Protein backbone atom coordinates (compact mmCIF):
# COMPACT_ATOMS: atom_id res chain seq x y z
CA UNK A 1 -7.40 39.29 39.55
CA UNK A 2 -4.35 38.86 41.72
CA UNK A 3 -3.18 41.13 44.57
CA UNK A 4 0.53 41.06 45.31
CA UNK A 5 3.30 43.19 46.73
CA UNK A 6 4.74 45.56 44.17
CA UNK A 7 8.28 45.30 42.82
CA UNK A 8 10.65 47.72 41.09
CA UNK A 9 9.64 46.12 37.74
CA UNK A 10 6.11 47.50 38.30
CA UNK A 11 7.25 51.14 38.54
CA UNK A 12 6.36 52.30 35.03
CA UNK A 13 3.00 50.51 34.71
CA UNK A 14 1.99 51.24 38.32
CA UNK A 15 2.83 54.93 38.01
CA UNK A 16 0.81 55.08 34.81
CA UNK A 17 -2.24 53.59 36.57
CA UNK A 18 -1.95 56.23 39.30
CA UNK A 19 -1.73 59.13 36.85
CA UNK A 20 -4.55 57.84 34.64
CA UNK A 21 -6.83 57.12 37.58
CA UNK A 22 -6.38 60.62 38.97
CA UNK A 23 -6.74 62.43 35.66
CA UNK A 24 -9.63 60.34 34.29
CA UNK A 25 -11.63 59.30 37.37
CA UNK A 26 -11.18 62.02 40.00
CA UNK A 27 -12.96 64.86 38.22
CA UNK A 28 -15.01 65.67 41.35
CA UNK A 29 -11.73 66.56 43.06
CA UNK A 30 -9.76 68.40 40.37
CA UNK A 31 -12.64 69.65 38.14
CA UNK A 32 -10.47 69.08 35.08
CA UNK A 33 -8.03 71.82 36.11
CA UNK A 34 -4.69 70.97 34.42
CA UNK A 35 -2.69 72.66 37.21
CA UNK A 36 -4.50 70.67 39.91
CA UNK A 37 -3.98 67.42 37.99
CA UNK A 38 -0.30 68.21 37.43
CA UNK A 39 0.23 68.98 41.13
CA UNK A 40 -1.56 65.79 42.22
CA UNK A 41 0.29 63.55 39.77
CA UNK A 42 3.73 65.18 40.12
CA UNK A 43 5.04 62.45 42.43
CA UNK A 44 3.31 59.55 40.63
CA UNK A 45 6.51 58.59 38.82
CA UNK A 46 8.75 55.54 38.59
CA UNK A 47 11.34 57.30 40.78
CA UNK A 48 8.72 57.92 43.48
CA UNK A 49 7.61 54.28 43.14
CA UNK A 50 11.12 53.12 43.97
CA UNK A 51 11.25 55.46 46.97
CA UNK A 52 7.88 54.13 48.20
CA UNK A 53 9.18 50.56 47.97
CA UNK A 54 12.09 51.57 50.21
CA UNK A 55 9.92 53.08 52.97
CA UNK A 56 10.37 51.04 56.15
CA UNK A 57 7.14 49.33 57.23
CA UNK A 58 5.15 50.41 54.17
CA UNK A 59 3.46 47.95 51.82
CA UNK A 60 2.91 48.84 48.17
CA UNK A 61 0.42 46.56 46.40
CA UNK A 62 -0.63 46.01 42.81
CA UNK A 63 -3.62 44.20 41.41
CA UNK A 64 -2.98 42.32 38.18
CA UNK A 65 -5.35 40.90 35.64
CA UNK A 66 -3.37 38.49 33.47
CA UNK A 67 -0.09 40.45 33.32
CA UNK A 68 -1.62 43.95 33.32
CA UNK A 69 -1.52 46.14 36.44
CA UNK A 70 -5.03 47.52 37.03
CA UNK A 71 -4.77 48.80 40.62
CA UNK A 72 -2.27 50.28 43.06
CA UNK A 73 -2.52 50.65 46.83
CA UNK A 74 -0.14 51.59 49.60
CA UNK A 75 -0.37 51.53 53.38
CA UNK A 76 2.27 52.64 55.87
CA UNK A 77 3.35 50.62 58.89
CA UNK A 78 0.89 52.45 61.15
CA UNK A 79 -2.19 51.62 59.08
CA UNK A 80 -2.51 54.87 57.14
CA UNK A 81 -3.72 54.15 53.63
CA UNK A 82 -1.74 56.37 51.28
CA UNK A 83 -2.83 55.14 47.82
CA UNK A 84 -5.86 53.29 46.45
CA UNK A 85 -6.26 53.81 42.70
CA UNK A 86 -7.71 51.76 39.86
CA UNK A 87 -7.13 51.86 36.11
CA UNK A 88 -10.10 53.59 34.43
CA UNK A 89 -10.93 50.50 32.34
CA UNK A 90 -11.12 48.37 35.52
CA UNK A 91 -13.43 50.65 37.53
CA UNK A 92 -16.37 48.97 39.33
CA UNK A 93 -14.80 45.52 39.08
CA UNK A 94 -13.75 45.07 42.72
CA UNK A 95 -10.17 46.26 42.27
CA UNK A 96 -10.26 49.01 44.93
CA UNK A 97 -12.07 46.66 47.33
CA UNK A 98 -9.37 44.00 46.82
CA UNK A 99 -6.64 46.57 47.42
CA UNK A 100 -8.37 47.83 50.55
CA UNK A 101 -8.66 44.29 51.90
CA UNK A 102 -4.95 43.62 51.25
CA UNK A 103 -4.00 46.85 53.03
CA UNK A 104 -6.29 46.17 55.99
CA UNK A 105 -4.99 42.58 56.23
CA UNK A 106 -1.33 43.63 56.29
CA UNK A 107 -2.15 46.33 58.86
CA UNK A 108 -3.89 43.76 61.08
CA UNK A 109 -0.88 41.43 60.70
CA UNK A 110 1.26 44.31 62.02
CA UNK A 111 -1.14 44.54 64.99
CA UNK A 112 -2.53 47.89 63.90
CA UNK A 113 -5.98 48.38 65.42
CA UNK A 114 -7.32 51.02 63.02
CA UNK A 115 -6.75 52.05 59.42
CA UNK A 116 -6.82 55.76 58.62
CA UNK A 117 -7.04 57.58 55.31
CA UNK A 118 -7.82 60.90 53.71
CA UNK A 119 -10.47 60.29 51.10
CA UNK A 120 -11.02 62.11 47.87
CA UNK A 121 -14.52 63.37 47.09
CA UNK A 122 -14.62 60.72 44.38
CA UNK A 123 -13.96 57.84 46.82
CA UNK A 124 -15.79 59.00 49.95
CA UNK A 125 -18.94 56.93 49.35
CA UNK A 126 -16.79 53.90 48.52
CA UNK A 127 -15.05 54.08 51.91
CA UNK A 128 -18.26 54.69 53.86
CA UNK A 129 -19.76 51.59 52.22
CA UNK A 130 -16.76 49.59 53.48
CA UNK A 131 -17.04 50.63 57.11
CA UNK A 132 -14.97 53.82 57.22
CA UNK A 133 -16.31 56.87 58.98
CA UNK A 134 -15.18 60.46 59.43
CA UNK A 135 -12.65 60.81 62.24
CA UNK A 136 -13.88 62.95 65.13
CA UNK A 137 -12.19 66.34 65.19
CA UNK A 138 -11.00 66.24 61.57
CA UNK A 139 -12.45 67.17 58.19
CA UNK A 140 -15.06 64.74 56.88
CA UNK A 141 -12.47 63.50 54.39
CA UNK A 142 -10.26 62.03 57.14
CA UNK A 143 -11.73 58.60 57.81
CA UNK A 144 -11.01 55.59 59.99
CA UNK A 145 -12.05 51.99 60.42
CA UNK A 146 -11.32 49.70 63.38
CA UNK A 147 -9.66 46.42 62.41
CA UNK A 148 -10.52 43.01 63.85
CA UNK A 149 -13.11 44.56 66.17
CA UNK A 150 -10.51 46.13 68.47
CA UNK A 151 -9.98 49.78 69.26
CA UNK A 152 -6.80 51.01 70.90
CA UNK A 153 -6.00 54.53 72.03
CA UNK A 154 -6.97 56.05 68.69
CA UNK A 155 -9.54 58.77 68.04
CA UNK A 156 -12.94 57.26 67.32
CA UNK A 157 -14.74 57.54 63.98
CA UNK A 158 -17.90 59.63 64.02
CA UNK A 159 -21.15 57.77 63.54
CA UNK A 160 -22.56 58.36 60.07
CA UNK A 161 -26.03 57.96 58.67
CA UNK A 162 -24.62 56.14 55.64
């Protein structure tokens, strides 16, 4: 498995991973509703991929196994994790964890003190197990994790019982 920054050449395969992950793995969130799946995947296209690559400060990552893309993650310049999806056939193989580490590392390199994200129901336990907690004053799906042991002037995550 290899994590790397995405390129325009990855647009078709990366977009496919996003759409397949949502439609096949996120049943707890969309309950198989075709309209909900269509709305969620509407911007998971090669054209959107190219726009994401052009966003200033953002980092779009892929995980490859051999030459096949099996994971996609994206974090903006402020440490907000925007994407973290894995190909269905690669689930439970450390792909999402590797993406999360790459996104946290690049955020720390940009001197961001906390990563934020809005979790799906499907991924909530995954994030809690990796140190994320619900952000005080927000829905339980908005989660945060301090990076490198430092907290700045950001809202604090709520304590969770695990």
